Amino acid sequence: MKLVVQIPCLNEAGTLPETLAEIPRHIDGIDEIEILLLDDGSTDGSAEVARQHGVDHVVRSTRSRGLAATFKAGIDAALELGADIVVNTDGDNQYPGSAITALVGPILRGEADMVVGDRQVASVEHFSFTKKKLQALGSWVVRQVSGTDVPDTTSGFRAFTRQTAQRLNLVSDYTYTLETIIQAGKKKLAIAYVPIEARQTRPSRLIRSNWDYVKRSASTIIRIYAMFEPLKFFSYVSAAFIVPGIALGLRYLYFREVLGEGQGHVQSVVLAGVLLILGFMIFLIGLVADINASSRRLLEEVLYRQRVLDDRLIAEAKNREREHQETHL
């Protein structure tokens, strides 16, 4: 059993030594632990500092590509390294490395495919009142959309099984935290969470302002939900046009048949017709999107099976090479 701890970082030379020092090098049930640094175009020598403090692998980008792209690159690299479990933490030392043992526990016990570190946001003293409320609201929305019970959906402290990492196909350019939970929930993967203590660090580089956070997070949630539940999503949107259209039509009939005043309310019929046509067209878009979603699910399953097949072929090649070497000894 091999564990790869991946650390996305951007100019974290000052906190990397402490972060790396806390990562355990032995966990019961784990045969091998390796650390993978994901340098997102740092200019302060983060990669060199990491190498000096025992990092096993470094994947470095010549320019900053953002957190989501860095995370995806890390997952790909960890899988290539043969990871059975992938843990994602931060280079700013927000998450305690000592908690990695507890984080991978549910996976080692066969209870979960993915584990999230719950920072218990409501009790974090260095979070502002506004941040706590926004985090709580965002987590509640993600729970409703994903059908999961994760209390801290924006926590980046996570553990994935190899199979889970192979099943996740990220499309967001902003952040992986919300999307991975929604995808895992829609794919019926088992998600667990463990309480951790979040430390105070520098201001987030991902969140420019509260409004920016809300706008980007809402966009990500809507996009991913529409991708996985297109018919339901577009049905809700179409209902916002169809229901008022029907109401206006009934209103016109009431004035014409009951009150005998239909001639003065023709505009209601026109508006009702426009709303009903728009609602019906949006519903048809939902049907087409639902068909496309079925095709996407089939493609994702093919991609997952191909990844599993690649693993099997690599394992067989290594076994043949080992047998060949033993034969010539």
Protein backbone atom coordinates (compact mmCIF):
# COMPACT_ATOMS: atom_id res chain seq x y z
CA MET A 1 0.00 0.00 0.00
CA LYS A 2 1.52 3.28 -1.15
CA LEU A 3 0.52 6.76 0.01
CA VAL A 4 1.44 9.90 -1.92
CA VAL A 5 0.99 13.23 -0.12
CA GLN A 6 0.68 16.02 -2.67
CA ILE A 7 1.27 19.63 -1.70
CA PRO A 8 0.18 22.39 -4.10
CA CYS A 9 2.16 25.55 -3.35
CA LEU A 10 2.80 29.03 -4.67
CA ASN A 11 5.61 30.95 -2.97
CA GLU A 12 5.45 28.99 0.28
CA ALA A 13 9.21 28.75 0.99
CA GLY A 14 8.69 30.21 4.47
CA THR A 15 6.12 27.63 5.63
CA LEU A 16 7.19 24.53 3.68
CA PRO A 17 9.84 23.35 6.19
CA GLU A 18 7.29 23.20 9.01
CA THR A 19 4.64 21.68 6.74
CA LEU A 20 6.98 18.94 5.55
CA ALA A 21 8.32 18.21 9.03
CA GLU A 22 4.82 17.31 10.26
CA ILE A 23 4.00 14.81 7.51
CA PRO A 24 4.31 11.29 8.95
CA ARG A 25 6.74 8.90 7.33
CA HIS A 26 5.13 5.82 8.84
CA ILE A 27 1.45 4.90 9.18
CA ASP A 28 0.17 1.48 10.20
CA GLY A 29 -1.28 -0.22 7.13
CA ILE A 30 0.84 1.87 4.74
CA ASP A 31 3.99 0.31 3.30
CA GLU A 32 5.41 3.38 1.57
CA ILE A 33 4.89 7.14 1.94
CA GLU A 34 6.16 9.66 -0.62
CA ILE A 35 5.75 13.43 -0.76
CA LEU A 36 4.98 15.22 -4.03
CA LEU A 37 5.40 18.99 -4.28
CA LEU A 38 3.32 20.80 -6.90
CA ASP A 39 5.07 24.11 -7.52
CA ASP A 40 2.63 26.42 -9.30
CA GLY A 41 5.25 28.78 -10.72
CA SER A 42 6.79 29.93 -7.43
CA THR A 43 9.43 32.65 -7.60
CA ASP A 44 10.78 32.31 -4.04
CA GLY A 45 12.64 29.02 -4.44
CA SER A 46 9.89 26.84 -2.95
CA ALA A 47 10.98 23.82 -5.01
CA GLU A 48 14.58 24.07 -3.78
CA VAL A 49 13.45 24.44 -0.16
CA ALA A 50 11.22 21.41 -0.56
CA ARG A 51 14.06 19.29 -1.95
CA GLN A 52 16.29 20.34 0.95
CA HIS A 53 13.64 19.14 3.40
CA GLY A 54 13.12 15.67 1.99
CA VAL A 55 10.45 15.95 -0.72
CA ASP A 56 10.56 12.87 -2.94
CA HIS A 57 9.13 14.37 -6.14
CA VAL A 58 8.61 17.86 -7.56
CA VAL A 59 6.29 18.83 -10.39
CA ARG A 60 6.99 22.44 -11.33
CA SER A 61 5.10 24.79 -13.62
CA THR A 62 6.99 27.68 -15.22
CA ARG A 63 4.00 29.96 -14.64
CA SER A 64 1.05 29.96 -12.27
CA ARG A 65 -1.88 27.95 -13.67
CA GLY A 66 -4.19 28.15 -10.69
CA LEU A 67 -5.23 25.80 -7.91
CA ALA A 68 -7.56 23.58 -9.94
CA ALA A 69 -5.02 22.92 -12.70
CA THR A 70 -2.29 22.29 -10.12
CA PHE A 71 -4.48 19.83 -8.25
CA LYS A 72 -5.27 17.93 -11.47
CA ALA A 73 -1.59 17.77 -12.37
CA GLY A 74 -0.86 16.42 -8.90
CA ILE A 75 -3.48 13.67 -9.15
CA ASP A 76 -2.07 12.59 -12.52
CA ALA A 77 1.47 12.56 -11.14
CA ALA A 78 0.45 10.67 -7.98
CA LEU A 79 -1.29 8.00 -10.06
CA GLU A 80 1.78 7.65 -12.26
CA LEU A 81 3.86 7.16 -9.10
CA GLY A 82 1.66 4.21 -8.23
CA ALA A 83 -0.27 5.76 -5.34
CA ASP A 84 -2.96 3.59 -3.75
CA ILE A 85 -4.02 6.56 -1.62
CA VAL A 86 -3.57 10.25 -2.45
CA VAL A 87 -3.65 12.90 0.27
CA ASN A 88 -3.92 16.57 -0.66
CA THR A 89 -2.78 19.24 1.78
CA ASP A 90 -1.57 22.86 1.53
CA GLY A 91 1.91 24.33 1.60
CA ASP A 92 0.88 27.20 3.92
CA ASN A 93 0.65 24.81 6.89
CA GLN A 94 -3.06 25.45 7.41
CA TYR A 95 -3.74 21.74 7.87
CA PRO A 96 -1.84 19.73 10.51
CA GLY A 97 0.30 17.04 8.91
CA SER A 98 -0.15 14.89 11.99
CA ALA A 99 -3.84 14.55 11.08
CA ILE A 100 -2.98 12.60 7.91
CA THR A 101 -3.03 9.38 9.94
CA ALA A 102 -6.65 10.02 10.99
CA LEU A 103 -7.54 11.24 7.49
CA VAL A 104 -6.58 7.98 5.77
CA GLY A 105 -8.08 5.85 8.56
CA PRO A 106 -11.55 5.41 7.01
CA ILE A 107 -9.94 4.39 3.70
CA LEU A 108 -7.66 1.84 5.35
CA ARG A 109 -10.68 0.40 7.17
CA GLY A 110 -12.60 0.14 3.91
CA GLU A 111 -15.24 2.62 5.05
CA ALA A 112 -14.72 5.39 2.50
CA ASP A 113 -13.53 6.21 -1.00
CA MET A 114 -12.83 9.83 -0.12
CA VAL A 115 -12.23 11.56 3.22
CA VAL A 116 -12.46 15.31 3.91
CA GLY A 117 -10.84 17.11 6.84
CA ASP A 118 -13.55 19.05 8.66
CA ARG A 119 -12.13 22.31 10.02
CA GLN A 120 -15.29 22.83 12.14
CA VAL A 121 -15.64 26.28 10.62
CA ALA A 122 -18.11 27.61 13.18
CA SER A 123 -15.53 27.28 15.95
CA VAL A 124 -12.48 28.61 14.05
CA GLU A 125 -11.55 31.80 15.92
CA HIS A 126 -9.51 33.45 13.16
CA PHE A 127 -12.37 33.20 10.63
CA SER A 128 -14.48 36.34 10.41
CA PHE A 129 -18.21 36.22 11.06
CA THR A 130 -18.91 36.83 7.37
CA LYS A 131 -16.52 34.09 6.28
CA LYS A 132 -18.09 31.60 8.68
CA LYS A 133 -21.58 32.34 7.39
CA LEU A 134 -20.51 32.16 3.73
CA GLN A 135 -18.68 28.88 4.34
CA ALA A 136 -21.71 27.43 6.11
CA LEU A 137 -24.07 28.57 3.35
CA GLY A 138 -21.79 27.25 0.60
CA SER A 139 -21.38 23.89 2.33
CA TRP A 140 -25.15 23.59 2.79
CA VAL A 141 -25.75 24.26 -0.91
CA VAL A 142 -23.12 21.70 -1.95
CA ARG A 143 -24.66 19.11 0.39
CA GLN A 144 -28.07 19.64 -1.21
CA VAL A 145 -26.67 19.45 -4.73
CA SER A 146 -24.37 16.47 -4.14
CA GLY A 147 -26.55 14.45 -1.79
CA THR A 148 -23.71 14.16 0.74
CA ASP A 149 -23.34 15.15 4.39
CA VAL A 150 -19.86 16.74 4.32
CA PRO A 151 -19.92 19.69 6.77
CA ASP A 152 -16.85 21.51 5.37
CA THR A 153 -16.99 21.28 1.58
CA THR A 154 -14.29 23.88 0.93
CA SER A 155 -11.60 22.11 2.95
CA GLY A 156 -8.63 21.15 0.77
CA PHE A 157 -7.35 18.55 3.23
CA ARG A 158 -8.50 15.33 1.57
CA ALA A 159 -7.67 11.71 0.96
CA PHE A 160 -8.68 9.69 -2.10
CA THR A 161 -8.38 6.04 -3.01
CA ARG A 162 -6.68 5.31 -6.31
CA GLN A 163 -9.99 4.25 -7.85
CA THR A 164 -11.66 7.47 -6.72
CA ALA A 165 -8.85 9.60 -8.15
CA GLN A 166 -9.21 7.73 -11.44
CA ARG A 167 -12.97 8.39 -11.53
CA LEU A 168 -12.75 12.15 -10.95
CA ASN A 169 -12.65 14.28 -14.10
CA LEU A 170 -12.36 17.94 -13.16
CA VAL A 171 -13.56 20.70 -15.49
CA SER A 172 -13.50 23.74 -13.18
CA ASP A 173 -10.68 26.28 -13.59
CA TYR A 174 -11.30 27.91 -10.19
CA THR A 175 -11.18 25.26 -7.45
CA TYR A 176 -11.38 21.51 -7.08
CA THR A 177 -12.95 21.41 -3.60
CA LEU A 178 -16.61 21.84 -4.52
CA GLU A 179 -16.46 19.91 -7.78
CA THR A 180 -14.82 16.81 -6.34
CA ILE A 181 -17.53 16.49 -3.67
CA ILE A 182 -20.36 16.99 -6.16
CA GLN A 183 -18.81 14.48 -8.55
CA ALA A 184 -18.19 11.96 -5.78
CA GLY A 185 -21.77 12.33 -4.57
CA LYS A 186 -23.27 11.92 -8.03
CA LYS A 187 -21.07 8.89 -8.69
CA LYS A 188 -22.27 7.29 -5.43
CA LEU A 189 -18.81 7.15 -3.88
CA ALA A 190 -18.55 6.75 -0.11
CA ILE A 191 -17.45 10.04 1.50
CA ALA A 192 -16.37 10.39 5.13
CA TYR A 193 -15.01 13.30 7.14
CA VAL A 194 -12.80 13.65 10.19
CA PRO A 195 -12.44 16.69 12.49
CA ILE A 196 -9.19 18.64 12.24
CA GLU A 197 -7.83 21.89 13.61
CA ALA A 198 -7.27 24.65 11.06
CA ARG A 199 -4.39 27.02 11.72
CA GLN A 200 -4.27 30.71 10.96
CA THR A 201 -2.24 31.46 7.85
CA ARG A 202 -1.72 34.29 5.40
CA PRO A 203 -4.82 35.70 3.60
CA SER A 204 -6.13 33.42 0.89
CA ARG A 205 -4.76 34.03 -2.60
CA LEU A 206 -7.75 32.27 -4.12
CA ILE A 207 -10.41 34.55 -2.61
CA ARG A 208 -10.07 38.19 -3.67
CA SER A 209 -13.20 39.29 -1.82
CA ASN A 210 -16.33 37.79 -0.31
CA TRP A 211 -18.32 38.77 -3.38
CA ASP A 212 -15.75 37.19 -5.68
CA TYR A 213 -15.86 34.00 -3.61
CA VAL A 214 -19.67 33.82 -3.73
CA LYS A 215 -19.80 34.56 -7.46
CA ARG A 216 -17.16 32.01 -8.45
CA SER A 217 -18.42 29.31 -6.08
CA ALA A 218 -22.02 29.74 -7.24
CA SER A 219 -20.90 29.55 -10.86
CA THR A 220 -18.98 26.33 -10.17
CA ILE A 221 -21.89 24.72 -8.30
CA ILE A 222 -24.43 25.59 -10.99
CA ARG A 223 -22.15 24.42 -13.78
CA ILE A 224 -21.36 21.07 -12.18
CA TYR A 225 -24.97 20.45 -11.13
CA ALA A 226 -26.18 21.22 -14.64
CA MET A 227 -23.57 18.83 -16.02
CA PHE A 228 -24.64 15.92 -13.81
CA GLU A 229 -28.39 16.66 -13.55
CA PRO A 230 -29.19 18.52 -16.79
CA LEU A 231 -32.83 17.45 -17.14
CA LYS A 232 -33.65 18.38 -13.55
CA PHE A 233 -31.72 21.66 -13.81
CA PHE A 234 -33.36 22.79 -17.04
CA SER A 235 -36.76 21.60 -15.80
CA TYR A 236 -36.43 24.01 -12.88
CA VAL A 237 -35.47 26.83 -15.24
CA SER A 238 -38.28 26.03 -17.68
CA ALA A 239 -40.78 25.93 -14.80
CA ALA A 240 -39.84 29.54 -14.01
CA PHE A 241 -41.33 30.45 -17.42
CA ILE A 242 -44.09 27.85 -17.80
CA VAL A 243 -45.76 28.43 -14.42
CA PRO A 244 -46.16 32.23 -14.90
CA GLY A 245 -47.30 31.54 -18.49
CA ILE A 246 -50.03 29.19 -17.30
CA ALA A 247 -51.00 31.66 -14.55
CA LEU A 248 -51.37 34.50 -17.07
CA GLY A 249 -53.39 32.27 -19.36
CA LEU A 250 -55.74 31.33 -16.52
CA ARG A 251 -55.95 34.99 -15.56
CA TYR A 252 -57.08 35.87 -19.09
CA LEU A 253 -59.66 33.08 -19.10
CA TYR A 254 -60.98 34.31 -15.75
CA PHE A 255 -61.46 37.84 -17.04
CA ARG A 256 -63.02 36.64 -20.30
CA GLU A 257 -65.27 33.82 -19.10
CA VAL A 258 -66.18 34.98 -15.60
CA LEU A 259 -66.06 38.74 -15.79
CA GLY A 260 -66.62 39.14 -19.53
CA GLU A 261 -63.68 41.51 -19.86
CA GLY A 262 -61.37 39.46 -22.09
CA GLN A 263 -60.93 42.08 -24.80
CA GLY A 264 -58.97 44.37 -22.50
CA HIS A 265 -56.48 41.72 -21.42
CA VAL A 266 -55.09 40.46 -24.72
CA GLN A 267 -51.58 41.39 -23.57
CA SER A 268 -51.85 38.63 -20.97
CA VAL A 269 -52.40 36.08 -23.74
CA VAL A 270 -49.40 37.37 -25.70
CA LEU A 271 -47.11 37.31 -22.68
CA ALA A 272 -48.40 33.88 -21.63
CA GLY A 273 -47.66 32.53 -25.09
CA VAL A 274 -44.12 33.92 -25.06
CA LEU A 275 -43.41 32.47 -21.61
CA LEU A 276 -44.82 29.05 -22.52
CA ILE A 277 -42.78 28.89 -25.73
CA LEU A 278 -39.59 29.87 -23.90
CA GLY A 279 -40.28 27.37 -21.14
CA PHE A 280 -40.91 24.57 -23.63
CA MET A 281 -37.73 25.39 -25.56
CA ILE A 282 -35.67 25.37 -22.36
CA PHE A 283 -37.17 21.98 -21.45
CA LEU A 284 -36.17 20.63 -24.87
CA ILE A 285 -32.63 21.90 -24.26
CA GLY A 286 -32.72 19.92 -21.02
CA LEU A 287 -33.71 16.76 -22.90
CA VAL A 288 -30.81 17.18 -25.32
CA ALA A 289 -28.42 17.93 -22.45
CA ASP A 290 -29.64 14.81 -20.63
CA ILE A 291 -28.83 12.68 -23.68
CA ASN A 292 -25.38 14.27 -23.84
CA ALA A 293 -24.92 13.58 -20.12
CA SER A 294 -25.60 9.89 -20.75
CA SER A 295 -22.90 9.91 -23.43
CA ARG A 296 -20.52 11.68 -21.04
CA ARG A 297 -21.13 9.04 -18.35
CA LEU A 298 -20.33 6.30 -20.85
CA LEU A 299 -17.13 8.10 -21.89
CA GLU A 300 -16.10 8.54 -18.26
CA GLU A 301 -16.64 4.83 -17.64
CA VAL A 302 -14.55 4.00 -20.71
CA LEU A 303 -11.81 6.35 -19.47
CA TYR A 304 -11.89 4.77 -16.01
CA ARG A 305 -11.67 1.24 -17.45
CA GLN A 306 -8.78 2.34 -19.64
CA ARG A 307 -6.94 3.67 -16.60
CA VAL A 308 -7.53 0.40 -14.76
CA LEU A 309 -6.33 -1.55 -17.79
CA ASP A 310 -3.20 0.61 -17.98
CA ASP A 311 -2.51 -0.19 -14.31
CA ARG A 312 -2.88 -3.90 -15.02
CA LEU A 313 -0.59 -3.79 -18.05
CA ILE A 314 2.07 -1.87 -16.12
CA ALA A 315 1.87 -4.37 -13.25
CA GLU A 316 2.17 -7.30 -15.65
CA ALA A 317 5.17 -5.68 -17.36
CA LYS A 318 6.89 -5.19 -14.00
CA ASN A 319 6.20 -8.81 -13.04
CA ARG A 320 7.65 -10.06 -16.32
CA GLU A 321 10.74 -7.89 -15.83
CA ARG A 322 11.15 -9.18 -12.27
CA GLU A 323 10.80 -12.79 -13.41
CA HIS A 324 13.30 -12.18 -16.19
CA GLN A 325 15.82 -10.76 -13.73
CA GLU A 326 15.32 -13.66 -11.32
CA THR A 327 15.83 -16.14 -14.17
CA HIS A 328 19.22 -14.64 -15.01
CA LEU A 329 20.47 -14.62 -11.42
